[in-house]
Amino acid sequence: MYVPRSRLFDLRPRLARRLGLIAFAGLSAVGALMVLAFCAVVLALMHSWQTLNEGEPLATVASSLAAVCAAYLCARLTTIFYVPAPEPEGILLPPDAAPEFYCLMDDIGSHLGADPIDRVWITRDPNATVLQRARWGCVGRIESHLLLGLPLVHSVSRSQLAAVMAHEFAHLALQRNGLGKLGAHVRAWWFRVLDAMCESMPIVETLADRVLRRFYRDMLRLSRIEEFEADAIAAKLVGAGLLGETLVEVTLKERFLRQDYWPKVMAQSESRARPSIRPYREMGLGVETGFLRPASVRAVTAVLLEDEEDVSLPFHPSLHQRLSALRVPLRAAQVDRPSAARHYFAPLLPSLAWVFDHAWWQDVRSGWRSQYARARRSSRD
């Protein structure tokens, strides 16, 4: 596998290693406190039993109260410490259901030297990502799950989906392989522990903001470096031009779905008790017929700059920064091509859409009917 060389990319493994050691030290400290609290419970109970046998009621009560306090602290620390990674959500895609797509993954993975994906899930999100989690939440073999959004595969062509997969597998090959996989697991675990501590102990949040300010900044820096590095590796496999075009296409289609397609679906709540269309069933046709491709580079730039102004905390580099790093112009595809959804998942689309439409209606039904009732009352007035 080709590994791009630059001072920025050379910094990434050192930064990841240092942050992993900090996270391990934090987990060790919380784990040690948990063990000490458990030992305090045992010692307090033993002392309580001893004083009870010696006929010292006050000492027995004091030891029992100490045991209760230590047990409470131990339980809180255990709850904070053992925060399992989120489980993948979506519809499990077995290999025999989409053999061509699995062949695409195997081909890209073998070219990049990435570990194989354990499971593929189709989701409702307009993106793709690789989720790595320990089998039992915090411990066990670290498994890799590909979360592939149905809106995404409706939005890109076959070649563009290959570019997306190349980017995700580049993360696996260089940053989530071997010790890198373990380091990422430890860093993510420490973040979950910090979140749990801040929620249950507000004083910890203020302290963490002061003590761990550099850790947070470096984690943000690491995330951005990893994106640039994955782009560089993917560009060597599929071409910088195709990858840049794909980044623009995904951004434009996501914006169309967010600002045009879904608002039109939800607008029906003003006049109908139930939607007249099923949004996921009609999404492919909606993207094909409703998306208006910008006529010029200037139009594309104006659209994308408008969205980038809303980004408050850039965990990922902006689209313009990524295109600049790839040394490709901001250019959208000139023509619409058949979607990857039709090529790889055509027999599955009705079933996938039915499940997602049902889940979507369960999520919005209450708000939809409330909006419909308000609209009816307003029309009567």
Protein backbone atom coordinates (compact mmCIF):
# COMPACT_ATOMS: atom_id res chain seq x y z
CA MET A 1 0.00 0.00 0.00
CA TYR A 2 1.25 3.46 -0.90
CA VAL A 3 1.67 5.66 2.18
CA PRO A 4 1.86 9.39 1.46
CA ARG A 5 4.78 11.19 3.06
CA SER A 6 4.54 14.63 4.59
CA ARG A 7 5.42 16.29 7.85
CA LEU A 8 1.73 16.41 8.73
CA PHE A 9 1.19 12.69 8.11
CA ASP A 10 4.40 11.80 9.96
CA LEU A 11 2.97 13.62 12.98
CA ARG A 12 -0.22 11.53 13.02
CA PRO A 13 1.14 8.26 14.54
CA ARG A 14 3.07 10.15 17.23
CA LEU A 15 0.04 12.24 18.10
CA ALA A 16 -2.23 9.18 18.16
CA ARG A 17 0.22 7.31 20.39
CA ARG A 18 0.52 10.19 22.87
CA LEU A 19 -3.24 10.70 23.07
CA GLY A 20 -3.72 6.96 23.49
CA LEU A 21 -1.32 6.93 26.45
CA ILE A 22 -3.16 9.87 28.05
CA ALA A 23 -6.47 8.06 27.57
CA PHE A 24 -5.02 4.85 29.03
CA ALA A 25 -3.72 6.77 32.05
CA GLY A 26 -7.16 8.31 32.58
CA LEU A 27 -8.90 4.94 32.34
CA SER A 28 -6.34 3.43 34.72
CA ALA A 29 -6.95 6.19 37.27
CA VAL A 30 -10.72 5.72 37.20
CA GLY A 31 -10.30 1.93 37.35
CA ALA A 32 -7.94 2.24 40.33
CA LEU A 33 -10.43 4.45 42.16
CA MET A 34 -13.14 1.87 41.47
CA VAL A 35 -10.97 -0.94 42.89
CA LEU A 36 -10.07 1.16 45.95
CA ALA A 37 -13.74 1.90 46.58
CA PHE A 38 -14.53 -1.82 46.37
CA CYS A 39 -11.71 -2.63 48.81
CA ALA A 40 -13.07 0.04 51.15
CA VAL A 41 -16.47 -1.67 51.06
CA VAL A 42 -14.93 -5.01 51.96
CA LEU A 43 -12.81 -3.57 54.77
CA ALA A 44 -15.73 -1.57 56.19
CA LEU A 45 -17.98 -4.64 56.20
CA MET A 46 -15.28 -6.73 57.86
CA HIS A 47 -14.79 -4.06 60.53
CA SER A 48 -18.53 -3.78 61.02
CA TRP A 49 -18.82 -7.54 61.58
CA GLN A 50 -15.89 -7.47 63.99
CA THR A 51 -17.30 -4.62 66.09
CA LEU A 52 -20.71 -6.29 66.11
CA ASN A 53 -19.19 -9.43 67.61
CA GLU A 54 -17.31 -7.31 70.15
CA GLY A 55 -20.51 -5.57 71.26
CA GLU A 56 -19.67 -2.06 70.05
CA PRO A 57 -22.90 -0.76 68.46
CA LEU A 58 -21.66 2.76 67.67
CA ALA A 59 -18.58 1.46 65.87
CA THR A 60 -20.77 -1.04 64.03
CA VAL A 61 -23.12 1.70 62.83
CA ALA A 62 -20.19 3.90 61.76
CA SER A 63 -18.56 1.05 59.84
CA SER A 64 -21.86 0.15 58.19
CA LEU A 65 -22.40 3.74 57.07
CA ALA A 66 -18.86 3.83 55.70
CA ALA A 67 -19.56 0.61 53.80
CA VAL A 68 -22.74 2.09 52.32
CA CYS A 69 -20.94 5.26 51.23
CA ALA A 70 -18.07 3.29 49.72
CA ALA A 71 -20.52 0.97 47.95
CA TYR A 72 -22.36 3.97 46.49
CA LEU A 73 -19.08 5.47 45.27
CA CYS A 74 -18.00 2.12 43.82
CA ALA A 75 -21.33 1.74 42.00
CA ARG A 76 -21.10 5.26 40.56
CA LEU A 77 -17.53 4.71 39.39
CA THR A 78 -18.47 1.36 37.84
CA THR A 79 -21.33 3.01 35.94
CA ILE A 80 -18.97 5.74 34.75
CA PHE A 81 -16.15 3.35 33.85
CA TYR A 82 -18.10 0.71 31.98
CA VAL A 83 -19.74 2.74 29.23
CA PRO A 84 -20.04 0.41 26.23
CA ALA A 85 -19.53 1.70 22.72
CA PRO A 86 -22.77 2.27 20.81
CA GLU A 87 -24.01 -0.70 18.86
CA PRO A 88 -24.41 -0.37 15.09
CA GLU A 89 -27.91 0.57 13.98
CA GLY A 90 -29.61 -0.26 10.74
CA ILE A 91 -30.42 -3.33 8.66
CA LEU A 92 -27.79 -6.06 8.52
CA LEU A 93 -26.67 -6.74 4.94
CA PRO A 94 -25.48 -10.35 4.49
CA PRO A 95 -22.96 -11.12 1.73
CA ASP A 96 -25.40 -13.16 -0.36
CA ALA A 97 -27.85 -10.23 -0.48
CA ALA A 98 -25.41 -7.92 -2.30
CA PRO A 99 -22.54 -10.02 -3.69
CA GLU A 100 -21.27 -7.33 -6.09
CA PHE A 101 -20.99 -4.79 -3.30
CA TYR A 102 -19.05 -7.26 -1.16
CA CYS A 103 -16.75 -7.89 -4.13
CA LEU A 104 -16.17 -4.14 -4.36
CA MET A 105 -15.26 -4.01 -0.65
CA ASP A 106 -12.96 -7.02 -0.93
CA ASP A 107 -11.19 -5.54 -3.94
CA ILE A 108 -10.62 -2.15 -2.30
CA GLY A 109 -9.66 -3.72 1.03
CA SER A 110 -7.10 -6.03 -0.59
CA HIS A 111 -5.53 -3.16 -2.55
CA LEU A 112 -5.13 -1.07 0.60
CA GLY A 113 -4.24 -3.92 2.95
CA ALA A 114 -7.13 -3.18 5.31
CA ASP A 115 -8.63 -5.62 7.78
CA PRO A 116 -11.89 -7.14 6.53
CA ILE A 117 -15.24 -5.69 7.54
CA ASP A 118 -17.12 -7.95 9.96
CA ARG A 119 -20.63 -6.69 9.17
CA VAL A 120 -22.32 -4.22 6.85
CA TRP A 121 -25.38 -2.24 7.96
CA ILE A 122 -27.70 -0.14 5.81
CA THR A 123 -28.77 2.99 7.69
CA ARG A 124 -30.98 6.05 7.23
CA ASP A 125 -28.06 8.49 7.38
CA PRO A 126 -26.75 10.28 4.26
CA ASN A 127 -23.17 9.13 4.76
CA ALA A 128 -20.88 6.14 5.23
CA THR A 129 -18.62 5.39 8.16
CA VAL A 130 -16.73 2.53 9.75
CA LEU A 131 -17.62 1.84 13.38
CA GLN A 132 -15.15 -0.17 15.41
CA ARG A 133 -16.26 -1.50 18.78
CA ALA A 134 -15.26 -4.24 21.18
CA ARG A 135 -17.49 -7.28 20.94
CA TRP A 136 -18.82 -6.82 24.49
CA GLY A 137 -18.95 -3.05 24.45
CA CYS A 138 -15.67 -2.27 26.22
CA VAL A 139 -13.74 -5.54 26.08
CA GLY A 140 -13.34 -8.35 23.60
CA ARG A 141 -12.21 -8.56 19.99
CA ILE A 142 -12.53 -5.23 18.20
CA GLU A 143 -14.95 -5.68 15.31
CA SER A 144 -15.35 -3.41 12.27
CA HIS A 145 -18.84 -2.47 11.06
CA LEU A 146 -19.51 -0.53 7.87
CA LEU A 147 -22.53 1.77 8.21
CA LEU A 148 -23.75 2.64 4.72
CA GLY A 149 -26.54 5.17 4.34
CA LEU A 150 -29.38 4.45 1.92
CA PRO A 151 -29.62 8.18 1.05
CA LEU A 152 -25.93 8.11 0.18
CA VAL A 153 -26.17 5.23 -2.30
CA HIS A 154 -29.15 6.97 -3.92
CA SER A 155 -26.95 10.07 -4.30
CA VAL A 156 -23.78 8.68 -5.90
CA SER A 157 -22.83 6.59 -8.91
CA ARG A 158 -20.92 3.29 -8.87
CA SER A 159 -17.56 4.96 -9.34
CA GLN A 160 -18.35 7.59 -6.73
CA LEU A 161 -19.35 4.91 -4.22
CA ALA A 162 -16.01 3.21 -4.89
CA ALA A 163 -14.31 6.51 -4.00
CA VAL A 164 -16.30 6.69 -0.75
CA MET A 165 -15.32 3.11 0.10
CA ALA A 166 -11.67 3.83 -0.70
CA HIS A 167 -11.70 6.69 1.80
CA GLU A 168 -13.28 4.54 4.54
CA PHE A 169 -10.92 1.61 3.93
CA ALA A 170 -7.96 3.99 3.98
CA HIS A 171 -8.89 4.79 7.59
CA LEU A 172 -8.90 1.06 8.34
CA ALA A 173 -5.64 0.32 6.55
CA LEU A 174 -3.46 3.02 8.06
CA GLN A 175 -5.13 4.36 11.20
CA ARG A 176 -7.31 1.53 12.54
CA ASN A 177 -5.00 -1.44 12.05
CA GLY A 178 -3.04 -3.36 14.69
CA LEU A 179 -2.07 -1.13 17.61
CA GLY A 180 -3.78 1.79 15.89
CA LYS A 181 -7.08 -0.02 16.27
CA LEU A 182 -6.44 -0.56 19.99
CA GLY A 183 -5.36 3.05 20.47
CA ALA A 184 -8.52 4.36 18.81
CA HIS A 185 -10.60 2.06 21.03
CA VAL A 186 -8.89 3.36 24.19
CA ARG A 187 -9.32 7.01 23.13
CA ALA A 188 -13.00 6.51 22.35
CA TRP A 189 -13.53 4.69 25.67
CA TRP A 190 -11.87 7.54 27.59
CA PHE A 191 -14.12 10.06 25.85
CA ARG A 192 -17.20 8.08 26.89
CA VAL A 193 -15.93 7.95 30.48
CA LEU A 194 -15.32 11.71 30.45
CA ASP A 195 -18.84 12.32 29.13
CA ALA A 196 -20.33 10.11 31.85
CA MET A 197 -18.32 11.87 34.56
CA CYS A 198 -19.30 15.32 33.33
CA GLU A 199 -22.98 14.37 33.28
CA SER A 200 -23.05 12.84 36.77
CA MET A 201 -20.52 15.19 38.43
CA PRO A 202 -20.81 18.77 37.08
CA ILE A 203 -17.73 19.88 39.00
CA VAL A 204 -15.68 17.44 36.92
CA GLU A 205 -16.72 19.21 33.71
CA THR A 206 -15.15 22.50 34.82
CA LEU A 207 -12.00 20.72 35.97
CA ALA A 208 -11.76 18.67 32.76
CA ASP A 209 -12.11 21.79 30.61
CA ARG A 210 -9.07 23.27 32.32
CA VAL A 211 -6.86 20.20 32.69
CA LEU A 212 -7.69 18.48 29.40
CA ARG A 213 -7.93 21.50 27.14
CA ARG A 214 -4.81 20.47 25.21
CA PHE A 215 -6.06 16.87 24.97
CA TYR A 216 -9.31 18.03 23.38
CA ARG A 217 -7.45 20.30 20.97
CA ASP A 218 -5.06 17.55 19.93
CA MET A 219 -7.92 15.09 19.44
CA LEU A 220 -9.53 17.58 17.09
CA ARG A 221 -6.21 18.00 15.32
CA LEU A 222 -5.77 14.22 15.01
CA SER A 223 -9.24 13.82 13.52
CA ARG A 224 -8.51 16.39 10.83
CA ILE A 225 -5.10 14.89 9.98
CA GLU A 226 -6.69 11.45 9.63
CA GLU A 227 -9.21 12.81 7.13
CA PHE A 228 -6.49 14.40 5.00
CA GLU A 229 -4.42 11.21 5.14
CA ALA A 230 -7.36 8.98 4.18
CA ASP A 231 -8.12 11.29 1.26
CA ALA A 232 -4.51 11.08 0.06
CA ILE A 233 -4.50 7.28 0.17
CA ALA A 234 -7.91 6.99 -1.51
CA ALA A 235 -6.82 9.42 -4.23
CA LYS A 236 -3.91 7.16 -5.14
CA LEU A 237 -6.34 4.28 -5.63
CA VAL A 238 -9.28 5.89 -7.44
CA GLY A 239 -7.76 9.16 -8.64
CA ALA A 240 -7.81 12.61 -7.07
CA GLY A 241 -10.25 13.90 -9.68
CA LEU A 242 -12.88 11.26 -8.95
CA LEU A 243 -12.48 11.64 -5.19
CA GLY A 244 -12.85 15.41 -5.40
CA GLU A 245 -15.90 15.09 -7.64
CA THR A 246 -17.40 12.62 -5.16
CA LEU A 247 -16.86 14.95 -2.20
CA VAL A 248 -18.69 17.71 -4.06
CA GLU A 249 -21.48 15.37 -5.20
CA VAL A 250 -22.11 14.01 -1.70
CA THR A 251 -22.20 17.52 -0.26
CA LEU A 252 -24.62 18.82 -2.90
CA LYS A 253 -26.96 15.84 -2.64
CA GLU A 254 -26.95 15.94 1.18
CA ARG A 255 -27.85 19.61 1.00
CA PHE A 256 -30.65 18.89 -1.46
CA LEU A 257 -32.13 16.21 0.81
CA ARG A 258 -31.84 18.39 3.91
CA GLN A 259 -33.10 21.67 2.47
CA ASP A 260 -35.45 20.58 -0.30
CA TYR A 261 -36.60 16.97 -0.18
CA TRP A 262 -37.35 16.53 3.53
CA PRO A 263 -39.00 19.97 3.97
CA LYS A 264 -41.38 19.13 1.11
CA VAL A 265 -42.20 15.80 2.73
CA MET A 266 -42.88 17.43 6.10
CA ALA A 267 -44.89 20.26 4.50
CA GLN A 268 -47.68 17.74 3.89
CA SER A 269 -48.40 17.77 7.63
CA GLU A 270 -50.15 21.11 7.03
CA SER A 271 -52.84 19.48 4.88
CA ARG A 272 -52.79 15.70 5.42
CA ALA A 273 -53.19 13.49 8.47
CA ARG A 274 -50.73 11.03 6.91
CA PRO A 275 -48.07 11.60 4.24
CA SER A 276 -49.12 10.81 0.69
CA ILE A 277 -45.66 9.48 -0.18
CA ARG A 278 -43.22 7.19 1.51
CA PRO A 279 -40.03 9.24 1.64
CA TYR A 280 -37.51 6.40 1.53
CA ARG A 281 -39.40 4.51 -1.17
CA GLU A 282 -39.53 7.65 -3.33
CA MET A 283 -36.06 8.92 -2.45
CA GLY A 284 -34.30 7.50 -5.50
CA LEU A 285 -36.80 9.10 -7.87
CA GLY A 286 -36.81 12.27 -5.79
CA VAL A 287 -33.05 12.67 -6.13
CA GLU A 288 -33.12 11.89 -9.86
CA THR A 289 -35.91 14.31 -10.73
CA GLY A 290 -35.73 16.93 -8.00
CA PHE A 291 -32.01 17.63 -7.76
CA LEU A 292 -30.99 20.53 -9.98
CA ARG A 293 -27.31 20.39 -10.83
CA PRO A 294 -25.57 23.79 -10.47
CA ALA A 295 -24.82 25.30 -13.86
CA SER A 296 -21.39 26.72 -13.04
CA VAL A 297 -18.45 26.54 -10.67
CA ARG A 298 -19.53 29.89 -9.24
CA ALA A 299 -22.98 28.49 -8.41
CA VAL A 300 -21.46 25.42 -6.77
CA THR A 301 -19.09 27.58 -4.73
CA ALA A 302 -21.89 29.86 -3.54
CA VAL A 303 -24.00 26.90 -2.45
CA LEU A 304 -21.21 25.15 -0.57
CA LEU A 305 -19.84 28.27 1.10
CA GLU A 306 -23.31 28.96 2.46
CA ASP A 307 -23.30 25.61 4.26
CA GLU A 308 -19.73 25.88 5.54
CA GLU A 309 -20.57 29.10 7.40
CA ASP A 310 -22.84 27.03 9.68
CA VAL A 311 -20.04 24.71 10.88
CA SER A 312 -19.28 25.63 14.51
CA LEU A 313 -16.78 22.89 15.46
CA PRO A 314 -14.92 21.44 12.44
CA PHE A 315 -14.10 17.87 13.46
CA HIS A 316 -13.61 17.30 9.73
CA PRO A 317 -11.78 19.65 7.37
CA SER A 318 -14.04 21.74 5.18
CA LEU A 319 -14.75 20.65 1.64
CA HIS A 320 -12.58 23.44 0.25
CA GLN A 321 -9.67 22.42 2.49
CA ARG A 322 -9.95 18.79 1.38
CA LEU A 323 -10.09 19.73 -2.30
CA SER A 324 -7.12 22.04 -1.85
CA ALA A 325 -5.12 19.24 -0.21
CA LEU A 326 -6.00 16.96 -3.14
CA ARG A 327 -5.01 19.73 -5.56
CA VAL A 328 -8.20 19.43 -7.56
CA PRO A 329 -10.65 22.17 -8.51
CA LEU A 330 -14.11 22.52 -7.03
CA ARG A 331 -16.02 20.71 -9.75
CA ALA A 332 -19.33 18.90 -9.73
CA ALA A 333 -20.22 16.06 -12.10
CA GLN A 334 -21.51 17.42 -15.40
CA VAL A 335 -24.22 14.79 -15.92
CA ASP A 336 -26.38 12.57 -13.77
CA ARG A 337 -25.35 8.91 -13.77
CA PRO A 338 -27.29 5.82 -12.63
CA SER A 339 -27.16 5.55 -8.86
CA ALA A 340 -25.14 2.97 -6.96
CA ALA A 341 -28.36 1.95 -5.22
CA ARG A 342 -29.84 0.65 -8.46
CA HIS A 343 -26.70 -1.23 -9.40
CA TYR A 344 -25.80 -2.89 -6.11
CA PHE A 345 -29.05 -3.02 -4.14
CA ALA A 346 -31.92 -2.96 -6.65
CA PRO A 347 -33.67 -6.16 -5.40
CA LEU A 348 -33.39 -4.95 -1.80
CA LEU A 349 -34.65 -1.39 -2.23
CA PRO A 350 -38.38 -2.10 -1.65
CA SER A 351 -37.69 -4.00 1.58
CA LEU A 352 -35.16 -1.47 2.85
CA ALA A 353 -37.49 1.41 2.06
CA TRP A 354 -40.43 -0.28 3.81
CA VAL A 355 -38.46 -0.75 7.03
CA PHE A 356 -37.06 2.78 7.02
CA ASP A 357 -40.41 4.36 6.11
CA HIS A 358 -42.06 2.51 8.98
CA ALA A 359 -39.33 3.63 11.42
CA TRP A 360 -39.52 7.20 10.12
CA TRP A 361 -43.30 7.34 10.60
CA GLN A 362 -42.95 6.06 14.16
CA ASP A 363 -40.48 8.88 14.84
CA VAL A 364 -42.53 11.73 13.35
CA ARG A 365 -46.12 10.55 13.81
CA SER A 366 -46.79 12.46 17.02
CA GLY A 367 -45.32 15.73 15.76
CA TRP A 368 -46.98 15.28 12.35
CA ARG A 369 -50.45 14.86 13.83
CA SER A 370 -49.94 17.78 16.20
CA GLN A 371 -48.95 19.99 13.28
CA TYR A 372 -51.94 18.78 11.26
CA ALA A 373 -54.29 19.53 14.16
CA ARG A 374 -52.86 23.05 14.54
CA ALA A 375 -53.24 23.66 10.82
CA ARG A 376 -56.88 22.51 10.94
CA ARG A 377 -57.64 24.82 13.87
CA SER A 378 -55.99 27.74 12.10
CA SER A 379 -58.02 27.15 8.94
CA ARG A 380 -61.27 27.10 10.93
CA ASP A 381 -60.42 30.37 12.63
